Structures are given as C-alpha cells and as structure tokens.
Amino acid sequence: HAAEGTIYEMTTKISDMETTAETTRSELTANSVLITQLHNDADTFDIRALSQQAIVDELRAQLAASANREAEQALLLEETRTEAAHNKAELERRVSEAADLKRSIASLLAE
C-alpha cells in the first residue's frame, strides 16, 4: 500500500506540474499576443509621428514660401516706388520745360 500511495503522490505531482506547465504556456501565449499588440501599436505611433512630421515639414515649407513671396512683394513695392519717383521727377522736368517753352513763345509773340 505504501508503494501505491507513493505512486499516487507522484502521479498527482506530475499532474500538478502538467497543469502548471499548461498555465505557464497559456500565460506565455497571452504575453506573446500582448507583445505583438504593443509592437503593432508602436508601429502605428511611428507612422502617425512620421505623418505629423510630414505635415510640420509641409507647413514649414509653406511658411518659407510665404515669407519669400512677402519679400518679393516688398522688393517689387520698393522698385515701384523708385520708378514712381523717377516718373515724378521726369514729369516735373517736362512741366518745367513746358513752362520755359510757354515763356519763350510768349516772349516771341510780344516782339
């Protein structure tokens, strides 16, 4: 009977060990699934971060282009002002010439 008791105890221990091994195997599988899910989440976050960086880069490029357009417009405005000043000076010169010509004609008619 002692041998039967020992065999029973060993069989019970083996059964317990098999149950523990199965539980451990299930936990490892669950952990593996979690790890895979975390890797997928990390990949998703990486993709979102890259997408957001691309948006930031595009906005920076648009801002730079806008600043360039603004600088070009300021330069064009300055060129227009300079041209207007030249045109005004030319107009004033022609008005002066016309006044001189008018005086000359009046002088000739007076003779």
PDB file of N, CA and C in Angstrom:
ATOM      1  N   HIS A   1       0.816  -1.207   0.000  1.00  0.00           N
ATOM      2  CA  HIS A   1       0.000   0.000   0.000  1.00  0.00           C
ATOM      3  C   HIS A   1       0.851   1.259   0.000  1.00  0.00           C
ATOM      4  N   ALA A   2       2.026   1.160   0.585  1.00  0.00           N
ATOM      5  CA  ALA A   2       2.903   2.326   0.641  1.00  0.00           C
ATOM      6  C   ALA A   2       3.361   2.689  -0.762  1.00  0.00           C
ATOM      7  N   ALA A   3       3.635   1.667  -1.563  1.00  0.00           N
ATOM      8  CA  ALA A   3       4.087   1.919  -2.932  1.00  0.00           C
ATOM      9  C   ALA A   3       2.962   2.548  -3.730  1.00  0.00           C
ATOM     10  N   GLU A   4       1.743   2.081  -3.523  1.00  0.00           N
ATOM     11  CA  GLU A   4       0.595   2.662  -4.228  1.00  0.00           C
ATOM     12  C   GLU A   4       0.406   4.123  -3.836  1.00  0.00           C
ATOM     13  N   GLY A   5       0.592   4.423  -2.531  1.00  0.00           N
ATOM     14  CA  GLY A   5       0.477   5.808  -2.064  1.00  0.00           C
ATOM     15  C   GLY A   5       1.535   6.691  -2.703  1.00  0.00           C
ATOM     16  N   THR A   6       2.757   6.176  -2.796  1.00  0.00           N
ATOM     17  CA  THR A   6       3.854   6.943  -3.394  1.00  0.00           C
ATOM     18  C   THR A   6       3.593   7.166  -4.880  1.00  0.00           C
ATOM     19  N   ILE A   7       3.125   6.123  -5.560  1.00  0.00           N
ATOM     20  CA  ILE A   7       2.796   6.253  -6.991  1.00  0.00           C
ATOM     21  C   ILE A   7       1.689   7.285  -7.167  1.00  0.00           C
ATOM     22  N   TYR A   8       0.674   7.230  -6.283  1.00  0.00           N
ATOM     23  CA  TYR A   8      -0.430   8.191  -6.352  1.00  0.00           C
ATOM     24  C   TYR A   8       0.085   9.620  -6.143  1.00  0.00           C
ATOM     25  N   GLU A   9       0.945   9.792  -5.136  1.00  0.00           N
ATOM     26  CA  GLU A   9       1.513  11.124  -4.864  1.00  0.00           C
ATOM     27  C   GLU A   9       2.320  11.618  -6.060  1.00  0.00           C
ATOM     28  N   MET A  10       3.134  10.746  -6.645  1.00  0.00           N
ATOM     29  CA  MET A  10       3.952  11.140  -7.790  1.00  0.00           C
ATOM     30  C   MET A  10       3.070  11.446  -8.989  1.00  0.00           C
ATOM     31  N   THR A  11       2.013  10.656  -9.187  1.00  0.00           N
ATOM     32  CA  THR A  11       1.081  10.902 -10.284  1.00  0.00           C
ATOM     33  C   THR A  11       0.393  12.253 -10.087  1.00  0.00           C
ATOM     34  N   THR A  12       0.000  12.535  -8.837  1.00  0.00           N
ATOM     35  CA  THR A  12      -0.628  13.824  -8.514  1.00  0.00           C
ATOM     36  C   THR A  12       0.344  14.963  -8.758  1.00  0.00           C
ATOM     37  N   LYS A  13       1.606  14.785  -8.329  1.00  0.00           N
ATOM     38  CA  LYS A  13       2.616  15.826  -8.547  1.00  0.00           C
ATOM     39  C   LYS A  13       2.861  16.048 -10.038  1.00  0.00           C
ATOM     40  N   ILE A  14       2.928  14.954 -10.781  1.00  0.00           N
ATOM     41  CA  ILE A  14       3.130  15.069 -12.228  1.00  0.00           C
ATOM     42  C   ILE A  14       1.947  15.800 -12.847  1.00  0.00           C
ATOM     43  N   SER A  15       0.753  15.456 -12.431  1.00  0.00           N
ATOM     44  CA  SER A  15      -0.461  16.092 -12.939  1.00  0.00           C
ATOM     45  C   SER A  15      -0.448  17.588 -12.599  1.00  0.00           C
ATOM     46  N   ASP A  16      -0.060  17.902 -11.338  1.00  0.00           N
ATOM     47  CA  ASP A  16       0.037  19.314 -10.934  1.00  0.00           C
ATOM     48  C   ASP A  16       1.075  20.047 -11.783  1.00  0.00           C
ATOM     49  N   MET A  17       2.200  19.386 -12.026  1.00  0.00           N
ATOM     50  CA  MET A  17       3.258  20.001 -12.823  1.00  0.00           C
ATOM     51  C   MET A  17       2.790  20.223 -14.259  1.00  0.00           C
ATOM     52  N   GLU A  18       2.039  19.255 -14.801  1.00  0.00           N
ATOM     53  CA  GLU A  18       1.493  19.412 -16.156  1.00  0.00           C
ATOM     54  C   GLU A  18       0.507  20.581 -16.200  1.00  0.00           C
ATOM     55  N   THR A  19      -0.334  20.700 -15.149  1.00  0.00           N
ATOM     56  CA  THR A  19      -1.292  21.812 -15.060  1.00  0.00           C
ATOM     57  C   THR A  19      -0.550  23.143 -14.981  1.00  0.00           C
ATOM     58  N   THR A  20       0.501  23.186 -14.142  1.00  0.00           N
ATOM     59  CA  THR A  20       1.312  24.400 -14.014  1.00  0.00           C
ATOM     60  C   THR A  20       1.979  24.734 -15.351  1.00  0.00           C
ATOM     61  N   ALA A  21       2.496  23.709 -16.031  1.00  0.00           N
ATOM     62  CA  ALA A  21       3.146  23.920 -17.329  1.00  0.00           C
ATOM     63  C   ALA A  21       2.140  24.460 -18.336  1.00  0.00           C
ATOM     64  N   GLU A  22       0.930  23.912 -18.332  1.00  0.00           N
ATOM     65  CA  GLU A  22      -0.114  24.366 -19.251  1.00  0.00           C
ATOM     66  C   GLU A  22      -0.505  25.818 -18.940  1.00  0.00           C
ATOM     67  N   THR A  23      -0.626  26.142 -17.656  1.00  0.00           N
ATOM     68  CA  THR A  23      -0.941  27.518 -17.244  1.00  0.00           C
ATOM     69  C   THR A  23       0.172  28.463 -17.702  1.00  0.00           C
ATOM     70  N   THR A  24       1.407  28.043 -17.471  1.00  0.00           N
ATOM     71  CA  THR A  24       2.561  28.859 -17.889  1.00  0.00           C
ATOM     72  C   THR A  24       2.560  29.039 -19.403  1.00  0.00           C
ATOM     73  N   ARG A  25       2.274  27.976 -20.139  1.00  0.00           N
ATOM     74  CA  ARG A  25       2.213  28.032 -21.606  1.00  0.00           C
ATOM     75  C   ARG A  25       1.126  29.016 -22.038  1.00  0.00           C
ATOM     76  N   SER A  26      -0.034  28.982 -21.393  1.00  0.00           N
ATOM     77  CA  SER A  26      -1.132  29.907 -21.712  1.00  0.00           C
ATOM     78  C   SER A  26      -0.726  31.349 -21.410  1.00  0.00           C
ATOM     79  N   GLU A  27      -0.058  31.555 -20.267  1.00  0.00           N
ATOM     80  CA  GLU A  27       0.401  32.902 -19.908  1.00  0.00           C
ATOM     81  C   GLU A  27       1.421  33.411 -20.911  1.00  0.00           C
ATOM     82  N   LEU A  28       2.343  32.519 -21.329  1.00  0.00           N
ATOM     83  CA  LEU A  28       3.342  32.907 -22.322  1.00  0.00           C
ATOM     84  C   LEU A  28       2.680  33.275 -23.652  1.00  0.00           C
ATOM     85  N   THR A  29       1.681  32.513 -24.044  1.00  0.00           N
ATOM     86  CA  THR A  29       0.954  32.819 -25.283  1.00  0.00           C
ATOM     87  C   THR A  29       0.253  34.174 -25.168  1.00  0.00           C
ATOM     88  N   ALA A  30      -0.395  34.400 -24.013  1.00  0.00           N
ATOM     89  CA  ALA A  30      -1.067  35.689 -23.795  1.00  0.00           C
ATOM     90  C   ALA A  30      -0.050  36.821 -23.824  1.00  0.00           C
ATOM     91  N   ASN A  31       1.107  36.616 -23.179  1.00  0.00           N
ATOM     92  CA  ASN A  31       2.161  37.643 -23.185  1.00  0.00           C
ATOM     93  C   ASN A  31       2.680  37.878 -24.598  1.00  0.00           C
ATOM     94  N   SER A  32       2.812  36.825 -25.365  1.00  0.00           N
ATOM     95  CA  SER A  32       3.275  36.953 -26.746  1.00  0.00           C
ATOM     96  C   SER A  32       2.288  37.781 -27.567  1.00  0.00           C
ATOM     97  N   VAL A  33       0.994  37.519 -27.347  1.00  0.00           N
ATOM     98  CA  VAL A  33      -0.047  38.299 -28.040  1.00  0.00           C
ATOM     99  C   VAL A  33       0.046  39.768 -27.629  1.00  0.00           C
ATOM    100  N   LEU A  34       0.228  40.014 -26.335  1.00  0.00           N
ATOM    101  CA  LEU A  34       0.365  41.391 -25.850  1.00  0.00           C
ATOM    102  C   LEU A  34       1.586  42.078 -26.457  1.00  0.00           C
ATOM    103  N   ILE A  35       2.700  41.358 -26.506  1.00  0.00           N
ATOM    104  CA  ILE A  35       3.930  41.928 -27.083  1.00  0.00           C
ATOM    105  C   ILE A  35       3.708  42.274 -28.556  1.00  0.00           C
ATOM    106  N   THR A  36       3.077  41.377 -29.290  1.00  0.00           N
ATOM    107  CA  THR A  36       2.775  41.642 -30.702  1.00  0.00           C
ATOM    108  C   THR A  36       1.889  42.878 -30.832  1.00  0.00           C
ATOM    109  N   GLN A  37       0.876  42.972 -29.969  1.00  0.00           N
ATOM    110  CA  GLN A  37      -0.032  44.126 -29.991  1.00  0.00           C
ATOM    111  C   GLN A  37       0.737  45.415 -29.674  1.00  0.00           C
ATOM    112  N   LEU A  38       1.644  45.345 -28.700  1.00  0.00           N
ATOM    113  CA  LEU A  38       2.451  46.528 -28.355  1.00  0.00           C
ATOM    114  C   LEU A  38       3.348  46.925 -29.521  1.00  0.00           C
ATOM    115  N   HIS A  39       3.938  45.935 -30.212  1.00  0.00           N
ATOM    116  CA  HIS A  39       4.764  46.235 -31.393  1.00  0.00           C
ATOM    117  C   HIS A  39       3.910  46.912 -32.470  1.00  0.00           C
ATOM    118  N   ASN A  40       2.698  46.385 -32.672  1.00  0.00           N
ATOM    119  CA  ASN A  40       1.800  46.978 -33.673  1.00  0.00           C
ATOM    120  C   ASN A  40       1.430  48.409 -33.287  1.00  0.00           C
ATOM    121  N   ASP A  41       1.130  48.610 -31.991  1.00  0.00           N
ATOM    122  CA  ASP A  41       0.820  49.966 -31.517  1.00  0.00           C
ATOM    123  C   ASP A  41       2.005  50.900 -31.725  1.00  0.00           C
ATOM    124  N   ALA A  42       3.205  50.413 -31.437  1.00  0.00           N
ATOM    125  CA  ALA A  42       4.417  51.220 -31.616  1.00  0.00           C
ATOM    126  C   ALA A  42       4.589  51.579 -33.092  1.00  0.00           C
ATOM    127  N   ASP A  43       4.358  50.603 -33.976  1.00  0.00           N
ATOM    128  CA  ASP A  43       4.440  50.876 -35.417  1.00  0.00           C
ATOM    129  C   ASP A  43       3.419  51.927 -35.820  1.00  0.00           C
ATOM    130  N   THR A  44       2.199  51.810 -35.289  1.00  0.00           N
ATOM    131  CA  THR A  44       1.144  52.784 -35.590  1.00  0.00           C
ATOM    132  C   THR A  44       1.556  54.172 -35.119  1.00  0.00           C
ATOM    133  N   PHE A  45       2.108  54.256 -33.908  1.00  0.00           N
ATOM    134  CA  PHE A  45       2.554  55.549 -33.390  1.00  0.00           C
ATOM    135  C   PHE A  45       3.692  56.105 -34.240  1.00  0.00           C
ATOM    136  N   ASP A  46       4.608  55.228 -34.688  1.00  0.00           N
ATOM    137  CA  ASP A  46       5.699  55.671 -35.567  1.00  0.00           C
ATOM    138  C   ASP A  46       5.143  56.250 -36.858  1.00  0.00           C
ATOM    139  N   ILE A  47       4.155  55.555 -37.434  1.00  0.00           N
ATOM    140  CA  ILE A  47       3.540  56.023 -38.681  1.00  0.00           C
ATOM    141  C   ILE A  47       2.870  57.373 -38.444  1.00  0.00           C
ATOM    142  N   ARG A  48       2.142  57.496 -37.324  1.00  0.00           N
ATOM    143  CA  ARG A  48       1.494  58.779 -37.018  1.00  0.00           C
ATOM    144  C   ARG A  48       2.531  59.879 -36.818  1.00  0.00           C
ATOM    145  N   ALA A  49       3.606  59.554 -36.124  1.00  0.00           N
ATOM    146  CA  ALA A  49       4.655  60.554 -35.885  1.00  0.00           C
ATOM    147  C   ALA A  49       5.274  60.992 -37.207  1.00  0.00           C
ATOM    148  N   LEU A  50       5.534  60.035 -38.106  1.00  0.00           N
ATOM    149  CA  LEU A  50       6.089  60.378 -39.414  1.00  0.00           C
ATOM    150  C   LEU A  50       5.104  61.234 -40.203  1.00  0.00           C
ATOM    151  N   SER A  51       3.833  60.886 -40.134  1.00  0.00           N
ATOM    152  CA  SER A  51       2.798  61.643 -40.828  1.00  0.00           C
ATOM    153  C   SER A  51       2.720  63.069 -40.281  1.00  0.00           C
ATOM    154  N   GLN A  52       2.763  63.192 -38.951  1.00  0.00           N
ATOM    155  CA  GLN A  52       2.712  64.522 -38.338  1.00  0.00           C
ATOM    156  C   GLN A  52       3.968  65.313 -38.673  1.00  0.00           C
ATOM    157  N   GLN A  53       5.114  64.635 -38.734  1.00  0.00           N
ATOM    158  CA  GLN A  53       6.360  65.328 -39.106  1.00  0.00           C
ATOM    159  C   GLN A  53       6.265  65.819 -40.543  1.00  0.00           C
ATOM    160  N   ALA A  54       5.667  65.008 -41.411  1.00  0.00           N
ATOM    161  CA  ALA A  54       5.494  65.422 -42.806  1.00  0.00           C
ATOM    162  C   ALA A  54       4.599  66.657 -42.887  1.00  0.00           C
ATOM    163  N   ILE A  55       3.543  66.680 -42.063  1.00  0.00           N
ATOM    164  CA  ILE A  55       2.649  67.851 -42.030  1.00  0.00           C
ATOM    165  C   ILE A  55       3.415  69.073 -41.537  1.00  0.00           C
ATOM    166  N   VAL A  56       4.208  68.901 -40.477  1.00  0.00           N
ATOM    167  CA  VAL A  56       5.012  70.010 -39.947  1.00  0.00           C
ATOM    168  C   VAL A  56       5.988  70.506 -41.018  1.00  0.00           C
ATOM    169  N   ASP A  57       6.646  69.568 -41.715  1.00  0.00           N
ATOM    170  CA  ASP A  57       7.595  69.952 -42.770  1.00  0.00           C
ATOM    171  C   ASP A  57       6.883  70.716 -43.877  1.00  0.00           C
ATOM    172  N   GLU A  58       5.690  70.256 -44.255  1.00  0.00           N
ATOM    173  CA  GLU A  58       4.917  70.935 -45.305  1.00  0.00           C
ATOM    174  C   GLU A  58       4.529  72.340 -44.859  1.00  0.00           C
ATOM    175  N   LEU A  59       4.097  72.473 -43.601  1.00  0.00           N
ATOM    176  CA  LEU A  59       3.732  73.800 -43.083  1.00  0.00           C
ATOM    177  C   LEU A  59       4.946  74.726 -43.059  1.00  0.00           C
ATOM    178  N   ARG A  60       6.106  74.185 -42.674  1.00  0.00           N
ATOM    179  CA  ARG A  60       7.338  74.992 -42.684  1.00  0.00           C
ATOM    180  C   ARG A  60       7.661  75.438 -44.104  1.00  0.00           C
ATOM    181  N   ALA A  61       7.506  74.538 -45.065  1.00  0.00           N
ATOM    182  CA  ALA A  61       7.786  74.878 -46.466  1.00  0.00           C
ATOM    183  C   ALA A  61       6.817  75.964 -46.942  1.00  0.00           C
ATOM    184  N   GLN A  62       5.545  75.838 -46.567  1.00  0.00           N
ATOM    185  CA  GLN A  62       4.560  76.853 -46.952  1.00  0.00           C
ATOM    186  C   GLN A  62       4.890  78.196 -46.313  1.00  0.00           C
ATOM    187  N   LEU A  63       5.307  78.152 -45.052  1.00  0.00           N
ATOM    188  CA  LEU A  63       5.681  79.385 -44.358  1.00  0.00           C
ATOM    189  C   LEU A  63       6.877  80.038 -45.029  1.00  0.00           C
ATOM    190  N   ALA A  64       7.867  79.230 -45.385  1.00  0.00           N
ATOM    191  CA  ALA A  64       9.051  79.763 -46.072  1.00  0.00           C
ATOM    192  C   ALA A  64       8.658  80.353 -47.422  1.00  0.00           C
ATOM    193  N   ALA A  65       7.798  79.648 -48.156  1.00  0.00           N
ATOM    194  CA  ALA A  65       7.347  80.153 -49.457  1.00  0.00           C
ATOM    195  C   ALA A  65       6.585  81.463 -49.277  1.00  0.00           C
ATOM    196  N   SER A  66       5.766  81.529 -48.245  1.00  0.00           N
ATOM    197  CA  SER A  66       5.016  82.754 -47.951  1.00  0.00           C
ATOM    198  C   SER A  66       5.970  83.901 -47.619  1.00  0.00           C
ATOM    199  N   ALA A  67       6.982  83.604 -46.824  1.00  0.00           N
ATOM    200  CA  ALA A  67       7.977  84.632 -46.470  1.00  0.00           C
ATOM    201  C   ALA A  67       8.719  85.086 -47.722  1.00  0.00           C
ATOM    202  N   ASN A  68       9.037  84.144 -48.628  1.00  0.00           N
ATOM    203  CA  ASN A  68       9.703  84.503 -49.883  1.00  0.00           C
ATOM    204  C   ASN A  68       8.805  85.396 -50.739  1.00  0.00           C
ATOM    205  N   ARG A  69       7.512  85.031 -50.820  1.00  0.00           N
ATOM    206  CA  ARG A  69       6.579  85.853 -51.597  1.00  0.00           C
ATOM    207  C   ARG A  69       6.474  87.251 -50.987  1.00  0.00           C
ATOM    208  N   GLU A  70       6.430  87.305 -49.655  1.00  0.00           N
ATOM    209  CA  GLU A  70       6.344  88.591 -48.974  1.00  0.00           C
ATOM    210  C   GLU A  70       7.592  89.433 -49.266  1.00  0.00           C
ATOM    211  N   ALA A  71       8.753  88.795 -49.236  1.00  0.00           N
ATOM    212  CA  ALA A  71       9.999  89.508 -49.541  1.00  0.00           C
ATOM    213  C   ALA A  71      10.004  89.989 -50.995  1.00  0.00           C
ATOM    214  N   GLU A  72       9.541  89.129 -51.909  1.00  0.00           N
ATOM    215  CA  GLU A  72       9.459  89.516 -53.322  1.00  0.00           C
ATOM    216  C   GLU A  72       8.506  90.691 -53.510  1.00  0.00           C
ATOM    217  N   GLN A  73       7.366  90.652 -52.807  1.00  0.00           N
ATOM    218  CA  GLN A  73       6.396  91.743 -52.914  1.00  0.00           C
ATOM    219  C   GLN A  73       6.969  93.038 -52.344  1.00  0.00           C
ATOM    220  N   ALA A  74       7.718  92.931 -51.247  1.00  0.00           N
ATOM    221  CA  ALA A  74       8.348  94.123 -50.670  1.00  0.00           C
ATOM    222  C   ALA A  74       9.363  94.705 -51.650  1.00  0.00           C
ATOM    223  N   LEU A  75      10.130  93.823 -52.302  1.00  0.00           N
ATOM    224  CA  LEU A  75      11.109  94.280 -53.289  1.00  0.00           C
ATOM    225  C   LEU A  75      10.398  94.928 -54.479  1.00  0.00           C
ATOM    226  N   LEU A  76       9.339  94.303 -54.945  1.00  0.00           N
ATOM    227  CA  LEU A  76       8.569  94.853 -56.058  1.00  0.00           C
ATOM    228  C   LEU A  76       7.973  96.205 -55.678  1.00  0.00           C
ATOM    229  N   LEU A  77       7.470  96.318 -54.456  1.00  0.00           N
ATOM    230  CA  LEU A  77       6.920  97.587 -53.984  1.00  0.00           C
ATOM    231  C   LEU A  77       7.999  98.663 -53.976  1.00  0.00           C
ATOM    232  N   GLU A  78       9.195  98.309 -53.511  1.00  0.00           N
ATOM    233  CA  GLU A  78      10.303  99.272 -53.484  1.00  0.00           C
ATOM    234  C   GLU A  78      10.685  99.689 -54.901  1.00  0.00           C
ATOM    235  N   GLU A  79      10.723  98.714 -55.824  1.00  0.00           N
ATOM    236  CA  GLU A  79      11.023  99.035 -57.223  1.00  0.00           C
ATOM    237  C   GLU A  79       9.951  99.956 -57.801  1.00  0.00           C
ATOM    238  N   THR A  80       8.691  99.692 -57.468  1.00  0.00           N
ATOM    239  CA  THR A  80       7.586 100.522 -57.950  1.00  0.00           C
ATOM    240  C   THR A  80       7.707 101.940 -57.400  1.00  0.00           C
ATOM    241  N   ARG A  81       8.046 102.070 -56.127  1.00  0.00           N
ATOM    242  CA  ARG A  81       8.225 103.395 -55.522  1.00  0.00           C
ATOM    243  C   ARG A  81       9.367 104.151 -56.208  1.00  0.00           C
ATOM    244  N   THR A  82      10.471 103.435 -56.454  1.00  0.00           N
ATOM    245  CA  THR A  82      11.621 104.057 -57.127  1.00  0.00           C
ATOM    246  C   THR A  82      11.223 104.519 -58.529  1.00  0.00           C
ATOM    247  N   GLU A  83      10.508 103.651 -59.250  1.00  0.00           N
ATOM    248  CA  GLU A  83      10.053 104.011 -60.598  1.00  0.00           C
ATOM    249  C   GLU A  83       9.099 105.198 -60.546  1.00  0.00           C
ATOM    250  N   ALA A  84       8.219 105.216 -59.568  1.00  0.00           N
ATOM    251  CA  ALA A  84       7.282 106.334 -59.416  1.00  0.00           C
ATOM    252  C   ALA A  84       8.029 107.627 -59.130  1.00  0.00           C
ATOM    253  N   ALA A  85       9.074 107.559 -58.301  1.00  0.00           N
ATOM    254  CA  ALA A  85       9.874 108.751 -58.003  1.00  0.00           C
ATOM    255  C   ALA A  85      10.563 109.247 -59.276  1.00  0.00           C
ATOM    256  N   HIS A  86      11.107 108.323 -60.085  1.00  0.00           N
ATOM    257  CA  HIS A  86      11.734 108.711 -61.358  1.00  0.00           C
ATOM    258  C   HIS A  86      10.700 109.346 -62.290  1.00  0.00           C
ATOM    259  N   ASN A  87       9.516 108.727 -62.371  1.00  0.00           N
ATOM    260  CA  ASN A  87       8.453 109.250 -63.240  1.00  0.00           C
ATOM    261  C   ASN A  87       8.030 110.655 -62.788  1.00  0.00           C
ATOM    262  N   LYS A  88       7.935 110.845 -61.470  1.00  0.00           N
ATOM    263  CA  LYS A  88       7.568 112.164 -60.937  1.00  0.00           C
ATOM    264  C   LYS A  88       8.629 113.199 -61.305  1.00  0.00           C
ATOM    265  N   ALA A  89       9.903 112.812 -61.144  1.00  0.00           N
ATOM    266  CA  ALA A  89      10.988 113.735 -61.484  1.00  0.00           C
ATOM    267  C   ALA A  89      10.953 114.069 -62.979  1.00  0.00           C
ATOM    268  N   GLU A  90      10.712 113.050 -63.826  1.00  0.00           N
ATOM    269  CA  GLU A  90      10.619 113.279 -65.278  1.00  0.00           C
ATOM    270  C   GLU A  90       9.438 114.193 -65.598  1.00  0.00           C
ATOM    271  N   LEU A  91       8.312 113.957 -64.941  1.00  0.00           N
ATOM    272  CA  LEU A  91       7.128 114.789 -65.160  1.00  0.00           C
ATOM    273  C   LEU A  91       7.403 116.232 -64.745  1.00  0.00           C
ATOM    274  N   GLU A  92       8.037 116.396 -63.586  1.00  0.00           N
ATOM    275  CA  GLU A  92       8.373 117.754 -63.122  1.00  0.00           C
ATOM    276  C   GLU A  92       9.332 118.431 -64.109  1.00  0.00           C
ATOM    277  N   ARG A  93      10.285 117.684 -64.669  1.00  0.00           N
ATOM    278  CA  ARG A  93      11.216 118.243 -65.657  1.00  0.00           C
ATOM    279  C   ARG A  93      10.472 118.679 -66.908  1.00  0.00           C
ATOM    280  N   ARG A  94       9.531 117.849 -67.369  1.00  0.00           N
ATOM    281  CA  ARG A  94       8.758 118.185 -68.579  1.00  0.00           C
ATOM    282  C   ARG A  94       7.836 119.384 -68.332  1.00  0.00           C
ATOM    283  N   VAL A  95       7.238 119.437 -67.129  1.00  0.00           N
ATOM    284  CA  VAL A  95       6.396 120.594 -66.790  1.00  0.00           C
ATOM    285  C   VAL A  95       7.244 121.866 -66.810  1.00  0.00           C
ATOM    286  N   SER A  96       8.459 121.769 -66.275  1.00  0.00           N
ATOM    287  CA  SER A  96       9.377 122.917 -66.267  1.00  0.00           C
ATOM    288  C   SER A  96       9.753 123.304 -67.689  1.00  0.00           C
ATOM    289  N   GLU A  97      10.044 122.303 -68.541  1.00  0.00           N
ATOM    290  CA  GLU A  97      10.369 122.582 -69.939  1.00  0.00           C
ATOM    291  C   GLU A  97       9.189 123.238 -70.645  1.00  0.00           C
ATOM    292  N   ALA A  98       7.985 122.735 -70.371  1.00  0.00           N
ATOM    293  CA  ALA A  98       6.783 123.307 -70.990  1.00  0.00           C
ATOM    294  C   ALA A  98       6.599 124.754 -70.551  1.00  0.00           C
ATOM    295  N   ALA A  99       6.845 125.022 -69.277  1.00  0.00           N
ATOM    296  CA  ALA A  99       6.719 126.401 -68.778  1.00  0.00           C
ATOM    297  C   ALA A  99       7.765 127.288 -69.453  1.00  0.00           C
ATOM    298  N   ASP A 100       8.991 126.770 -69.601  1.00  0.00           N
ATOM    299  CA  ASP A 100      10.043 127.532 -70.295  1.00  0.00           C
ATOM    300  C   ASP A 100       9.636 127.792 -71.744  1.00  0.00           C
ATOM    301  N   LEU A 101       9.109 126.775 -72.410  1.00  0.00           N
ATOM    302  CA  LEU A 101       8.681 126.914 -73.794  1.00  0.00           C
ATOM    303  C   LEU A 101       7.547 127.924 -73.909  1.00  0.00           C
ATOM    304  N   LYS A 102       6.612 127.867 -72.965  1.00  0.00           N
ATOM    305  CA  LYS A 102       5.491 128.805 -72.957  1.00  0.00           C
ATOM    306  C   LYS A 102       6.004 130.244 -72.826  1.00  0.00           C
ATOM    307  N   ARG A 103       6.979 130.441 -71.912  1.00  0.00           N
ATOM    308  CA  ARG A 103       7.551 131.782 -71.736  1.00  0.00           C
ATOM    309  C   ARG A 103       8.271 132.234 -73.007  1.00  0.00           C
ATOM    310  N   SER A 104       8.980 131.300 -73.641  1.00  0.00           N
ATOM    311  CA  SER A 104       9.690 131.653 -74.877  1.00  0.00           C
ATOM    312  C   SER A 104       8.715 132.063 -75.968  1.00  0.00           C
ATOM    313  N   ILE A 105       7.609 131.289 -76.086  1.00  0.00           N
ATOM    314  CA  ILE A 105       6.589 131.623 -77.092  1.00  0.00           C
ATOM    315  C   ILE A 105       5.961 132.968 -76.773  1.00  0.00           C
ATOM    316  N   ALA A 106       5.658 133.209 -75.514  1.00  0.00           N
ATOM    317  CA  ALA A 106       5.052 134.490 -75.132  1.00  0.00           C
ATOM    318  C   ALA A 106       6.019 135.637 -75.424  1.00  0.00           C
ATOM    319  N   SER A 107       7.319 135.388 -75.217  1.00  0.00           N
ATOM    320  CA  SER A 107       8.320 136.410 -75.466  1.00  0.00           C
ATOM    321  C   SER A 107       8.413 136.723 -76.958  1.00  0.00           C
ATOM    322  N   LEU A 108       8.350 135.644 -77.788  1.00  0.00           N
ATOM    323  CA  LEU A 108       8.413 135.834 -79.243  1.00  0.00           C
ATOM    324  C   LEU A 108       7.166 136.566 -79.745  1.00  0.00           C
ATOM    325  N   LEU A 109       6.028 136.212 -79.179  1.00  0.00           N
ATOM    326  CA  LEU A 109       4.780 136.876 -79.613  1.00  0.00           C
ATOM    327  C   LEU A 109       4.785 138.346 -79.174  1.00  0.00           C
ATOM    328  N   ALA A 110       5.439 138.674 -78.103  1.00  0.00           N
ATOM    329  CA  ALA A 110       5.456 140.043 -77.594  1.00  0.00           C
ATOM    330  C   ALA A 110       6.345 140.912 -78.476  1.00  0.00           C
ATOM    331  N   GLU A 111       7.259 140.338 -79.224  1.00  0.00           N
ATOM    332  CA  GLU A 111       8.176 141.150 -80.033  1.00  0.00           C
ATOM    333  C   GLU A 111       7.536 141.702 -81.269  1.00  0.00           C
TER     334      GLU A 111
END
